[in-house]
Each structure stands twice: as structure tokens, then as C-alpha cells.
Amino acid sequence: MYVGAVNGGIWKTTNGGMNWTPLTDQLASLSIASLAIDPTDRTHQTLIAGAGLTSNGAFDAFALGPFEGRGGLRNGLLYSRNSGVTGPR
């Protein structure tokens, strides 16, 4: 099971949530907006995440001004073709 968090990156568990391993701590953005297993991959090992410009409270329709401190870099999509073993890139 995988979890993507707004300011926490992507985490993986293989034992029902007893232990979690971070997969994206070394990347430019921990700002995960969406997360999915690629439905076209029959092996179910390709993980795709949308990253950047989401945060836990500073960005909304009424926020004006610069975007500094409002989520991570807008670096687009991250993906891993081996269930996150080497982490999304």
C-alpha cells in the first residue's frame, strides 16, 4: 500500500501499515497532490505521482501574493517502474 501526503512525500508499507518506508525524502518536492498505480502496467509495479504547489493550508482561492512557502516545486510527475524500490523519479 502507498500513501501520498501534501507535505510528507510518498510512503510505502508491505505489512498492512505496521511499518512505513519513505520513498521521496531525497527529491525536490514532498508536495504530493495525487498518487496512482499505472492501470496500463499489467505487473502493477508502476507508481505515478503528481507533485508540486500543494500545501496544508497556505494555498487556496483567496491566497494572494507570492507562492513561496506554499507547497513544493512544480516538478510535475514522478514515477517508479519497480514499486518504489528505487523510489519515484
N, C-alpha and C. Protein backbone atom coordinates (compact mmCIF):
# COMPACT_ATOMS: atom_id res chain seq x y z
N MET A 1 0.85 -1.16 0.00
CA MET A 1 0.00 0.00 0.00
C MET A 1 0.91 1.23 0.00
N TYR A 2 0.45 2.28 -0.71
CA TYR A 2 1.17 3.54 -0.79
C TYR A 2 0.31 4.67 -0.24
N VAL A 3 0.96 5.69 0.32
CA VAL A 3 0.27 6.89 0.78
C VAL A 3 1.06 8.09 0.28
N GLY A 4 0.35 9.07 -0.27
CA GLY A 4 0.97 10.33 -0.66
C GLY A 4 0.41 11.43 0.22
N ALA A 5 1.27 12.24 0.79
CA ALA A 5 0.84 13.29 1.71
C ALA A 5 1.18 14.67 1.15
N VAL A 6 0.37 15.65 1.48
CA VAL A 6 0.52 17.00 0.96
C VAL A 6 1.91 17.56 1.21
N ASN A 7 2.43 17.45 2.40
CA ASN A 7 3.78 17.93 2.70
C ASN A 7 4.67 16.81 3.23
N GLY A 8 4.31 15.56 2.96
CA GLY A 8 5.05 14.45 3.55
C GLY A 8 5.65 13.47 2.58
N GLY A 9 5.45 13.67 1.28
CA GLY A 9 6.02 12.75 0.31
C GLY A 9 5.21 11.48 0.14
N ILE A 10 5.86 10.46 -0.39
CA ILE A 10 5.23 9.16 -0.65
C ILE A 10 5.83 8.14 0.30
N TRP A 11 4.97 7.33 0.89
CA TRP A 11 5.37 6.28 1.82
C TRP A 11 4.79 4.95 1.35
N LYS A 12 5.50 3.86 1.67
CA LYS A 12 5.07 2.52 1.26
C LYS A 12 5.09 1.58 2.47
N THR A 13 4.07 0.72 2.55
CA THR A 13 4.06 -0.34 3.55
C THR A 13 3.83 -1.67 2.84
N THR A 14 4.47 -2.69 3.34
CA THR A 14 4.28 -4.05 2.80
C THR A 14 3.71 -4.99 3.85
N ASN A 15 3.38 -4.42 5.03
CA ASN A 15 2.86 -5.28 6.11
C ASN A 15 1.60 -4.70 6.75
N GLY A 16 0.74 -4.13 5.93
CA GLY A 16 -0.54 -3.65 6.41
C GLY A 16 -0.49 -2.40 7.26
N GLY A 17 0.59 -1.64 7.17
CA GLY A 17 0.70 -0.39 7.92
C GLY A 17 1.47 -0.47 9.22
N MET A 18 2.01 -1.62 9.55
CA MET A 18 2.81 -1.74 10.78
C MET A 18 4.09 -0.92 10.67
N ASN A 19 4.71 -0.93 9.50
CA ASN A 19 5.93 -0.17 9.25
C ASN A 19 5.79 0.55 7.91
N TRP A 20 6.35 1.76 7.83
CA TRP A 20 6.29 2.56 6.61
C TRP A 20 7.69 2.99 6.20
N THR A 21 7.93 3.00 4.88
CA THR A 21 9.21 3.42 4.33
C THR A 21 8.99 4.66 3.45
N PRO A 22 9.72 5.76 3.71
CA PRO A 22 9.59 6.94 2.85
C PRO A 22 10.29 6.69 1.52
N LEU A 23 9.66 7.12 0.42
CA LEU A 23 10.22 6.89 -0.92
C LEU A 23 10.73 8.16 -1.59
N THR A 24 10.36 9.32 -1.08
CA THR A 24 10.67 10.56 -1.81
C THR A 24 11.42 11.60 -0.98
N ASP A 25 11.96 11.24 0.16
CA ASP A 25 12.62 12.23 1.02
C ASP A 25 13.78 12.94 0.32
N GLN A 26 14.42 12.29 -0.64
CA GLN A 26 15.58 12.87 -1.31
C GLN A 26 15.21 13.73 -2.53
N LEU A 27 13.93 13.83 -2.87
CA LEU A 27 13.51 14.56 -4.07
C LEU A 27 13.26 16.04 -3.77
N ALA A 28 13.13 16.83 -4.82
CA ALA A 28 12.98 18.28 -4.70
C ALA A 28 11.68 18.69 -4.04
N SER A 29 10.64 17.88 -4.16
CA SER A 29 9.35 18.26 -3.60
C SER A 29 8.74 17.10 -2.82
N LEU A 30 8.22 17.39 -1.63
CA LEU A 30 7.45 16.41 -0.86
C LEU A 30 5.96 16.68 -1.00
N SER A 31 5.61 17.58 -1.88
CA SER A 31 4.24 18.05 -2.06
C SER A 31 3.51 17.12 -3.03
N ILE A 32 2.83 16.11 -2.51
CA ILE A 32 2.16 15.10 -3.34
C ILE A 32 0.67 15.44 -3.44
N ALA A 33 0.21 15.66 -4.66
CA ALA A 33 -1.19 16.02 -4.89
C ALA A 33 -2.03 14.83 -5.34
N SER A 34 -1.40 13.86 -6.00
CA SER A 34 -2.14 12.69 -6.48
C SER A 34 -1.18 11.50 -6.54
N LEU A 35 -1.76 10.31 -6.47
CA LEU A 35 -0.95 9.09 -6.45
C LEU A 35 -1.77 7.95 -7.04
N ALA A 36 -1.15 7.17 -7.93
CA ALA A 36 -1.87 6.06 -8.56
C ALA A 36 -0.91 4.98 -9.04
N ILE A 37 -1.40 3.77 -9.13
CA ILE A 37 -0.72 2.68 -9.81
C ILE A 37 -1.14 2.76 -11.27
N ASP A 38 -0.18 2.70 -12.18
CA ASP A 38 -0.47 2.80 -13.61
C ASP A 38 -1.39 1.66 -14.04
N PRO A 39 -2.62 1.96 -14.49
CA PRO A 39 -3.56 0.91 -14.86
C PRO A 39 -3.16 0.15 -16.13
N THR A 40 -2.22 0.69 -16.91
CA THR A 40 -1.78 0.00 -18.13
C THR A 40 -0.64 -0.97 -17.87
N ASP A 41 -0.09 -0.95 -16.67
CA ASP A 41 1.00 -1.85 -16.31
C ASP A 41 0.40 -3.13 -15.72
N ARG A 42 0.47 -4.20 -16.46
CA ARG A 42 -0.13 -5.47 -16.01
C ARG A 42 0.57 -6.07 -14.81
N THR A 43 1.80 -5.63 -14.51
CA THR A 43 2.51 -6.14 -13.34
C THR A 43 2.18 -5.33 -12.09
N HIS A 44 1.49 -4.22 -12.24
CA HIS A 44 1.09 -3.34 -11.13
C HIS A 44 2.29 -2.83 -10.34
N GLN A 45 3.40 -2.54 -11.04
CA GLN A 45 4.60 -2.07 -10.37
C GLN A 45 4.95 -0.63 -10.70
N THR A 46 4.18 0.03 -11.57
CA THR A 46 4.48 1.41 -11.94
C THR A 46 3.63 2.36 -11.11
N LEU A 47 4.31 3.15 -10.30
CA LEU A 47 3.68 4.12 -9.41
C LEU A 47 3.87 5.51 -10.01
N ILE A 48 2.78 6.29 -10.10
CA ILE A 48 2.82 7.64 -10.68
C ILE A 48 2.26 8.62 -9.65
N ALA A 49 2.97 9.73 -9.47
CA ALA A 49 2.53 10.75 -8.51
C ALA A 49 2.59 12.13 -9.15
N GLY A 50 1.59 12.94 -8.86
CA GLY A 50 1.60 14.34 -9.26
C GLY A 50 2.15 15.15 -8.10
N ALA A 51 3.15 16.00 -8.38
CA ALA A 51 3.82 16.72 -7.29
C ALA A 51 3.88 18.21 -7.54
N GLY A 52 3.86 18.97 -6.46
CA GLY A 52 4.13 20.40 -6.52
C GLY A 52 2.95 21.30 -6.29
N LEU A 53 3.22 22.41 -5.65
CA LEU A 53 2.29 23.51 -5.38
C LEU A 53 1.02 23.09 -4.67
N THR A 54 1.13 22.22 -3.71
CA THR A 54 0.05 21.96 -2.77
C THR A 54 0.66 22.06 -1.38
N SER A 55 -0.11 22.51 -0.43
CA SER A 55 0.38 22.65 0.93
C SER A 55 -0.78 22.48 1.89
N ASN A 56 -0.47 22.39 3.15
CA ASN A 56 -1.51 22.13 4.14
C ASN A 56 -2.09 23.42 4.73
N GLY A 57 -2.56 24.31 3.89
CA GLY A 57 -3.28 25.45 4.40
C GLY A 57 -2.94 26.80 3.83
N ALA A 58 -1.79 26.98 3.19
CA ALA A 58 -1.39 28.31 2.74
C ALA A 58 -1.91 28.65 1.36
N PHE A 59 -2.30 27.66 0.56
CA PHE A 59 -2.71 27.94 -0.81
C PHE A 59 -4.20 27.65 -0.98
N ASP A 60 -4.95 28.66 -1.35
CA ASP A 60 -6.37 28.48 -1.64
C ASP A 60 -6.81 29.56 -2.61
N ALA A 61 -8.07 29.60 -2.93
CA ALA A 61 -8.58 30.55 -3.91
C ALA A 61 -8.44 32.00 -3.46
N PHE A 62 -8.29 32.24 -2.15
CA PHE A 62 -8.21 33.60 -1.63
C PHE A 62 -6.79 34.04 -1.31
N ALA A 63 -5.82 33.14 -1.46
CA ALA A 63 -4.43 33.49 -1.16
C ALA A 63 -3.87 34.37 -2.26
N LEU A 64 -3.37 35.51 -1.90
CA LEU A 64 -2.78 36.44 -2.85
C LEU A 64 -1.30 36.58 -2.56
N GLY A 65 -0.55 37.02 -3.54
CA GLY A 65 0.87 37.26 -3.33
C GLY A 65 1.72 36.11 -3.83
N PRO A 66 3.02 36.14 -3.45
CA PRO A 66 3.95 35.13 -3.96
C PRO A 66 3.62 33.73 -3.43
N PHE A 67 4.13 32.74 -4.15
CA PHE A 67 3.85 31.35 -3.80
C PHE A 67 4.92 30.72 -2.91
N GLU A 68 5.93 31.47 -2.47
CA GLU A 68 6.97 30.90 -1.62
C GLU A 68 6.33 30.34 -0.36
N GLY A 69 6.76 29.16 0.03
CA GLY A 69 6.25 28.54 1.24
C GLY A 69 4.90 27.89 1.08
N ARG A 70 4.40 27.84 -0.13
CA ARG A 70 3.08 27.25 -0.37
C ARG A 70 3.21 25.97 -1.18
N GLY A 71 3.81 24.98 -0.62
CA GLY A 71 3.97 23.71 -1.30
C GLY A 71 5.34 23.59 -1.92
N GLY A 72 5.55 22.49 -2.64
CA GLY A 72 6.85 22.21 -3.22
C GLY A 72 6.99 22.74 -4.63
N LEU A 73 8.14 22.42 -5.21
CA LEU A 73 8.41 22.82 -6.58
C LEU A 73 7.41 22.19 -7.53
N ARG A 74 7.11 22.88 -8.58
CA ARG A 74 6.19 22.34 -9.60
C ARG A 74 6.98 21.44 -10.54
N ASN A 75 7.35 20.28 -10.07
CA ASN A 75 8.16 19.40 -10.90
C ASN A 75 7.35 18.31 -11.58
N GLY A 76 6.04 18.42 -11.59
CA GLY A 76 5.21 17.57 -12.43
C GLY A 76 4.99 16.17 -11.92
N LEU A 77 5.29 15.19 -12.77
CA LEU A 77 5.03 13.79 -12.44
C LEU A 77 6.28 13.08 -11.96
N LEU A 78 6.08 12.23 -10.99
CA LEU A 78 7.12 11.33 -10.52
C LEU A 78 6.66 9.92 -10.85
N TYR A 79 7.59 9.02 -11.17
CA TYR A 79 7.18 7.65 -11.42
C TYR A 79 8.27 6.68 -11.03
N SER A 80 7.85 5.51 -10.66
CA SER A 80 8.74 4.40 -10.35
C SER A 80 8.20 3.18 -11.09
N ARG A 81 9.08 2.48 -11.76
CA ARG A 81 8.64 1.29 -12.52
C ARG A 81 8.88 -0.01 -11.75
N ASN A 82 9.33 0.10 -10.49
CA ASN A 82 9.59 -1.10 -9.73
C ASN A 82 8.99 -1.03 -8.32
N SER A 83 7.77 -0.56 -8.23
CA SER A 83 7.00 -0.48 -6.98
C SER A 83 7.68 0.38 -5.92
N GLY A 84 8.47 1.34 -6.35
CA GLY A 84 9.12 2.23 -5.40
C GLY A 84 10.40 1.72 -4.81
N VAL A 85 10.91 0.58 -5.31
CA VAL A 85 12.16 0.01 -4.77
C VAL A 85 13.29 1.03 -4.87
N THR A 86 13.42 1.68 -6.01
CA THR A 86 14.45 2.72 -6.15
C THR A 86 13.84 4.10 -6.00
N GLY A 87 12.55 4.17 -5.68
CA GLY A 87 11.89 5.45 -5.45
C GLY A 87 11.45 6.11 -6.73
N PRO A 88 10.41 6.93 -6.64
CA PRO A 88 9.94 7.67 -7.81
C PRO A 88 10.99 8.65 -8.31
N ARG A 89 11.00 8.90 -9.60
CA ARG A 89 11.94 9.85 -10.24
C ARG A 89 11.17 10.80 -11.12
